[in-house]
Amino acid sequence: MLQAYTDGSVYPNPKGVGGWSFILVDEDGNETIRTGGVNMTSNNRMELHAVIEVMSYVKVHGNKGEHLRIFSDSKYVVSGVNYWVESWNYRGVRDKANMDLWDDIFALKRDVDTQIVWVKGHGECEYNERADKLANEARKEFEEEELERMWQKQSKYT
């Protein structure tokens, strides 16, 4: 079984610069870490994005039929993945926030055997703390890159 720890970060929330991360741990304890950033987003979107990224990674790089257990400190994400998304899809619900990301998760659940478990944020889970730190670092790095791009674009015209 694979285990993943995901997190998202945004400042300011909403409509700020966001970062996401996942730490994927295989049965031998080997880790795969991925991070990224997005502009003009919300914390919920970054939390969902981290889950999508790890599920997509496992879909491409994992063994068919391998179980993925995701740990998240977002009750919104845990409830959505475990309860809401299946019901929404069955009933044709389309008016929920972040529906584009929920659609991605629903599609990935068909290909990746996934269970998601809530873990207390800023608690005693080392991997969750690391995922939190990585998401914040990704957000800050993305923000710096965006500022650099804006500065370079502006300096062309001065």
C-alpha atoms as a PDB file:
ATOM      1  CA  MET A   1       0.000   0.000   0.000  1.00  0.00           C
ATOM      2  CA  LEU A   2       1.128   3.509  -0.803  1.00  0.00           C
ATOM      3  CA  GLN A   3       0.644   6.318   1.701  1.00  0.00           C
ATOM      4  CA  ALA A   4       0.517   9.996   0.796  1.00  0.00           C
ATOM      5  CA  TYR A   5       0.454  13.159   2.841  1.00  0.00           C
ATOM      6  CA  THR A   6      -0.974  16.236   1.129  1.00  0.00           C
ATOM      7  CA  ASP A   7      -1.359  19.895   1.977  1.00  0.00           C
ATOM      8  CA  GLY A   8      -2.201  23.258   0.479  1.00  0.00           C
ATOM      9  CA  SER A   9      -1.354  26.827   1.399  1.00  0.00           C
ATOM     10  CA  VAL A  10      -2.653  30.230   0.264  1.00  0.00           C
ATOM     11  CA  TYR A  11      -1.902  33.771   1.301  1.00  0.00           C
ATOM     12  CA  PRO A  12      -4.059  35.742   1.438  1.00  0.00           C
ATOM     13  CA  ASN A  13      -7.007  33.385   1.363  1.00  0.00           C
ATOM     14  CA  PRO A  14      -8.948  33.529  -0.906  1.00  0.00           C
ATOM     15  CA  LYS A  15      -7.571  34.976  -4.145  1.00  0.00           C
ATOM     16  CA  GLY A  16      -3.956  34.763  -3.082  1.00  0.00           C
ATOM     17  CA  VAL A  17      -0.852  32.921  -4.178  1.00  0.00           C
ATOM     18  CA  GLY A  18      -1.105  29.208  -3.441  1.00  0.00           C
ATOM     19  CA  GLY A  19       1.165  26.247  -2.986  1.00  0.00           C
ATOM     20  CA  TRP A  20       0.499  22.534  -2.774  1.00  0.00           C
ATOM     21  CA  SER A  21       2.584  19.490  -1.871  1.00  0.00           C
ATOM     22  CA  PHE A  22       2.507  15.751  -1.500  1.00  0.00           C
ATOM     23  CA  ILE A  23       4.826  13.226   0.067  1.00  0.00           C
ATOM     24  CA  LEU A  24       4.229   9.732  -1.295  1.00  0.00           C
ATOM     25  CA  VAL A  25       5.708   6.872   0.728  1.00  0.00           C
ATOM     26  CA  ASP A  26       5.942   3.357  -0.711  1.00  0.00           C
ATOM     27  CA  GLU A  27       6.033   0.084   1.234  1.00  0.00           C
ATOM     28  CA  ASP A  28       9.845   0.250   1.464  1.00  0.00           C
ATOM     29  CA  GLY A  29       9.778   3.759   2.926  1.00  0.00           C
ATOM     30  CA  ASN A  30      10.969   5.452  -0.269  1.00  0.00           C
ATOM     31  CA  GLU A  31       9.585   8.962  -0.699  1.00  0.00           C
ATOM     32  CA  THR A  32       8.445  10.878  -3.755  1.00  0.00           C
ATOM     33  CA  ILE A  33       7.891  14.582  -3.142  1.00  0.00           C
ATOM     34  CA  ARG A  34       6.176  17.013  -5.499  1.00  0.00           C
ATOM     35  CA  THR A  35       5.197  20.655  -5.037  1.00  0.00           C
ATOM     36  CA  GLY A  36       3.749  23.444  -7.126  1.00  0.00           C
ATOM     37  CA  GLY A  37       2.115  26.841  -7.076  1.00  0.00           C
ATOM     38  CA  VAL A  38      -0.887  28.676  -8.497  1.00  0.00           C
ATOM     39  CA  ASN A  39      -1.923  32.322  -8.556  1.00  0.00           C
ATOM     40  CA  MET A  40      -5.329  33.734  -7.529  1.00  0.00           C
ATOM     41  CA  THR A  41      -6.642  30.680  -5.720  1.00  0.00           C
ATOM     42  CA  SER A  42      -8.060  29.514  -2.389  1.00  0.00           C
ATOM     43  CA  ASN A  43      -6.867  27.194   0.328  1.00  0.00           C
ATOM     44  CA  ASN A  44      -9.572  24.630  -0.477  1.00  0.00           C
ATOM     45  CA  ARG A  45      -8.465  24.572  -4.134  1.00  0.00           C
ATOM     46  CA  MET A  46      -4.848  23.995  -3.105  1.00  0.00           C
ATOM     47  CA  GLU A  47      -5.843  21.180  -0.753  1.00  0.00           C
ATOM     48  CA  LEU A  48      -7.801  19.559  -3.598  1.00  0.00           C
ATOM     49  CA  HIS A  49      -5.000  20.193  -6.080  1.00  0.00           C
ATOM     50  CA  ALA A  50      -2.517  18.317  -3.861  1.00  0.00           C
ATOM     51  CA  VAL A  51      -4.841  15.292  -3.792  1.00  0.00           C
ATOM     52  CA  ILE A  52      -5.292  15.412  -7.579  1.00  0.00           C
ATOM     53  CA  GLU A  53      -1.547  15.616  -8.096  1.00  0.00           C
ATOM     54  CA  VAL A  54      -0.773  12.561  -5.962  1.00  0.00           C
ATOM     55  CA  MET A  55      -3.607  10.531  -7.494  1.00  0.00           C
ATOM     56  CA  SER A  56      -2.417  11.477 -10.991  1.00  0.00           C
ATOM     57  CA  TYR A  57       1.137  10.520 -10.077  1.00  0.00           C
ATOM     58  CA  VAL A  58       0.034   7.112  -8.793  1.00  0.00           C
ATOM     59  CA  LYS A  59      -2.136   6.566 -11.881  1.00  0.00           C
ATOM     60  CA  VAL A  60       0.901   7.042 -14.122  1.00  0.00           C
ATOM     61  CA  HIS A  61       3.709   5.599 -11.971  1.00  0.00           C
ATOM     62  CA  GLY A  62       1.989   3.153  -9.607  1.00  0.00           C
ATOM     63  CA  ASN A  63       1.222  -0.517 -10.014  1.00  0.00           C
ATOM     64  CA  LYS A  64      -2.270  -1.294 -11.299  1.00  0.00           C
ATOM     65  CA  GLY A  65      -4.581  -2.139  -8.403  1.00  0.00           C
ATOM     66  CA  GLU A  66      -2.227  -0.727  -5.782  1.00  0.00           C
ATOM     67  CA  HIS A  67      -4.076   0.901  -2.882  1.00  0.00           C
ATOM     68  CA  LEU A  68      -3.391   4.557  -2.086  1.00  0.00           C
ATOM     69  CA  ARG A  69      -4.128   5.912   1.373  1.00  0.00           C
ATOM     70  CA  ILE A  70      -4.047   9.711   1.485  1.00  0.00           C
ATOM     71  CA  PHE A  71      -3.751  11.652   4.726  1.00  0.00           C
ATOM     72  CA  SER A  72      -5.096  15.214   4.733  1.00  0.00           C
ATOM     73  CA  ASP A  73      -5.709  17.768   7.463  1.00  0.00           C
ATOM     74  CA  SER A  74      -8.618  19.224   5.459  1.00  0.00           C
ATOM     75  CA  LYS A  75     -12.018  17.963   6.607  1.00  0.00           C
ATOM     76  CA  TYR A  76     -13.451  19.588   3.454  1.00  0.00           C
ATOM     77  CA  VAL A  77     -11.287  17.347   1.264  1.00  0.00           C
ATOM     78  CA  VAL A  78     -11.734  14.204   3.346  1.00  0.00           C
ATOM     79  CA  SER A  79     -15.537  14.563   3.448  1.00  0.00           C
ATOM     80  CA  GLY A  80     -15.688  15.447  -0.225  1.00  0.00           C
ATOM     81  CA  VAL A  81     -13.617  12.509  -1.417  1.00  0.00           C
ATOM     82  CA  ASN A  82     -15.177   9.960   0.939  1.00  0.00           C
ATOM     83  CA  TYR A  83     -18.819  11.041   0.770  1.00  0.00           C
ATOM     84  CA  TRP A  84     -19.838  13.969  -1.407  1.00  0.00           C
ATOM     85  CA  VAL A  85     -18.248  13.481  -4.829  1.00  0.00           C
ATOM     86  CA  GLU A  86     -19.888  10.114  -5.547  1.00  0.00           C
ATOM     87  CA  SER A  87     -23.305  11.436  -4.533  1.00  0.00           C
ATOM     88  CA  TRP A  88     -22.899  14.647  -6.521  1.00  0.00           C
ATOM     89  CA  ASN A  89     -21.954  12.736  -9.623  1.00  0.00           C
ATOM     90  CA  TYR A  90     -24.801  10.229  -9.230  1.00  0.00           C
ATOM     91  CA  ARG A  91     -27.361  13.034  -8.767  1.00  0.00           C
ATOM     92  CA  GLY A  92     -25.862  15.264 -11.477  1.00  0.00           C
ATOM     93  CA  VAL A  93     -25.057  18.062  -9.041  1.00  0.00           C
ATOM     94  CA  ARG A  94     -23.046  20.793 -10.775  1.00  0.00           C
ATOM     95  CA  ASP A  95     -23.436  23.851  -8.539  1.00  0.00           C
ATOM     96  CA  LYS A  96     -20.826  23.160  -5.858  1.00  0.00           C
ATOM     97  CA  ALA A  97     -17.667  25.199  -5.324  1.00  0.00           C
ATOM     98  CA  ASN A  98     -14.556  23.825  -7.025  1.00  0.00           C
ATOM     99  CA  MET A  99     -16.622  21.467  -9.187  1.00  0.00           C
ATOM    100  CA  ASP A 100     -13.851  21.340 -11.810  1.00  0.00           C
ATOM    101  CA  LEU A 101     -11.480  19.833  -9.239  1.00  0.00           C
ATOM    102  CA  TRP A 102     -14.102  17.496  -7.790  1.00  0.00           C
ATOM    103  CA  ASP A 103     -14.712  16.212 -11.336  1.00  0.00           C
ATOM    104  CA  ASP A 104     -10.992  15.453 -11.653  1.00  0.00           C
ATOM    105  CA  ILE A 105     -11.003  13.557  -8.359  1.00  0.00           C
ATOM    106  CA  PHE A 106     -14.092  11.575  -9.363  1.00  0.00           C
ATOM    107  CA  ALA A 107     -12.442  10.564 -12.643  1.00  0.00           C
ATOM    108  CA  LEU A 108      -9.189   9.596 -10.912  1.00  0.00           C
ATOM    109  CA  LYS A 109     -11.041   7.481  -8.335  1.00  0.00           C
ATOM    110  CA  ARG A 110     -12.075   5.180 -11.189  1.00  0.00           C
ATOM    111  CA  ASP A 111      -8.417   4.409 -11.914  1.00  0.00           C
ATOM    112  CA  VAL A 112      -6.778   4.707  -8.500  1.00  0.00           C
ATOM    113  CA  ASP A 113      -7.992   2.675  -5.502  1.00  0.00           C
ATOM    114  CA  THR A 114      -8.028   5.539  -3.006  1.00  0.00           C
ATOM    115  CA  GLN A 115      -8.892   5.973   0.640  1.00  0.00           C
ATOM    116  CA  ILE A 116      -8.525   9.351   2.336  1.00  0.00           C
ATOM    117  CA  VAL A 117      -8.062   9.776   6.072  1.00  0.00           C
ATOM    118  CA  TRP A 118      -8.200  12.910   8.201  1.00  0.00           C
ATOM    119  CA  VAL A 119      -5.142  13.753  10.277  1.00  0.00           C
ATOM    120  CA  LYS A 120      -4.974  16.635  12.731  1.00  0.00           C
ATOM    121  CA  GLY A 121      -3.144  19.606  11.270  1.00  0.00           C
ATOM    122  CA  HIS A 122      -0.197  21.000  13.193  1.00  0.00           C
ATOM    123  CA  GLY A 123      -0.325  17.914  15.368  1.00  0.00           C
ATOM    124  CA  GLU A 124       2.024  15.068  15.927  1.00  0.00           C
ATOM    125  CA  CYS A 125       2.180  13.621  12.412  1.00  0.00           C
ATOM    126  CA  GLU A 126       5.683  14.216  11.074  1.00  0.00           C
ATOM    127  CA  TYR A 127       4.712  13.693   7.428  1.00  0.00           C
ATOM    128  CA  ASN A 128       1.781  16.110   7.696  1.00  0.00           C
ATOM    129  CA  GLU A 129       4.064  18.737   9.203  1.00  0.00           C
ATOM    130  CA  ARG A 130       6.535  18.230   6.360  1.00  0.00           C
ATOM    131  CA  ALA A 131       3.763  18.485   3.739  1.00  0.00           C
ATOM    132  CA  ASP A 132       2.593  21.726   5.376  1.00  0.00           C
ATOM    133  CA  LYS A 133       6.108  23.166   5.278  1.00  0.00           C
ATOM    134  CA  LEU A 134       6.590  22.101   1.649  1.00  0.00           C
ATOM    135  CA  ALA A 135       3.276  23.676   0.579  1.00  0.00           C
ATOM    136  CA  ASN A 136       4.219  26.954   2.259  1.00  0.00           C
ATOM    137  CA  GLU A 137       7.666  26.896   0.658  1.00  0.00           C
ATOM    138  CA  ALA A 138       6.104  26.181  -2.755  1.00  0.00           C
ATOM    139  CA  ARG A 139       3.736  29.124  -2.303  1.00  0.00           C
ATOM    140  CA  LYS A 140       6.584  31.482  -1.401  1.00  0.00           C
ATOM    141  CA  GLU A 141       8.747  30.225  -4.256  1.00  0.00           C
ATOM    142  CA  PHE A 142       5.912  30.621  -6.764  1.00  0.00           C
ATOM    143  CA  GLU A 143       5.223  34.136  -5.477  1.00  0.00           C
ATOM    144  CA  GLU A 144       8.898  35.083  -5.917  1.00  0.00           C
ATOM    145  CA  GLU A 145       8.911  33.654  -9.446  1.00  0.00           C
ATOM    146  CA  GLU A 146       5.745  35.601 -10.295  1.00  0.00           C
ATOM    147  CA  LEU A 147       7.278  38.828  -8.983  1.00  0.00           C
ATOM    148  CA  GLU A 148      10.425  38.179 -11.018  1.00  0.00           C
ATOM    149  CA  ARG A 149       8.368  37.595 -14.183  1.00  0.00           C
ATOM    150  CA  MET A 150       6.431  40.808 -13.578  1.00  0.00           C
ATOM    151  CA  TRP A 151       9.644  42.748 -12.983  1.00  0.00           C
ATOM    152  CA  GLN A 152      11.229  41.380 -16.158  1.00  0.00           C
ATOM    153  CA  LYS A 153       8.120  42.188 -18.173  1.00  0.00           C
ATOM    154  CA  GLN A 154       8.005  45.720 -16.779  1.00  0.00           C
ATOM    155  CA  SER A 155      11.729  46.313 -17.313  1.00  0.00           C
ATOM    156  CA  LYS A 156      11.305  45.609 -21.050  1.00  0.00           C
ATOM    157  CA  TYR A 157       9.302  48.794 -21.346  1.00  0.00           C
ATOM    158  CA  THR A 158      11.474  51.119 -19.251  1.00  0.00           C
END
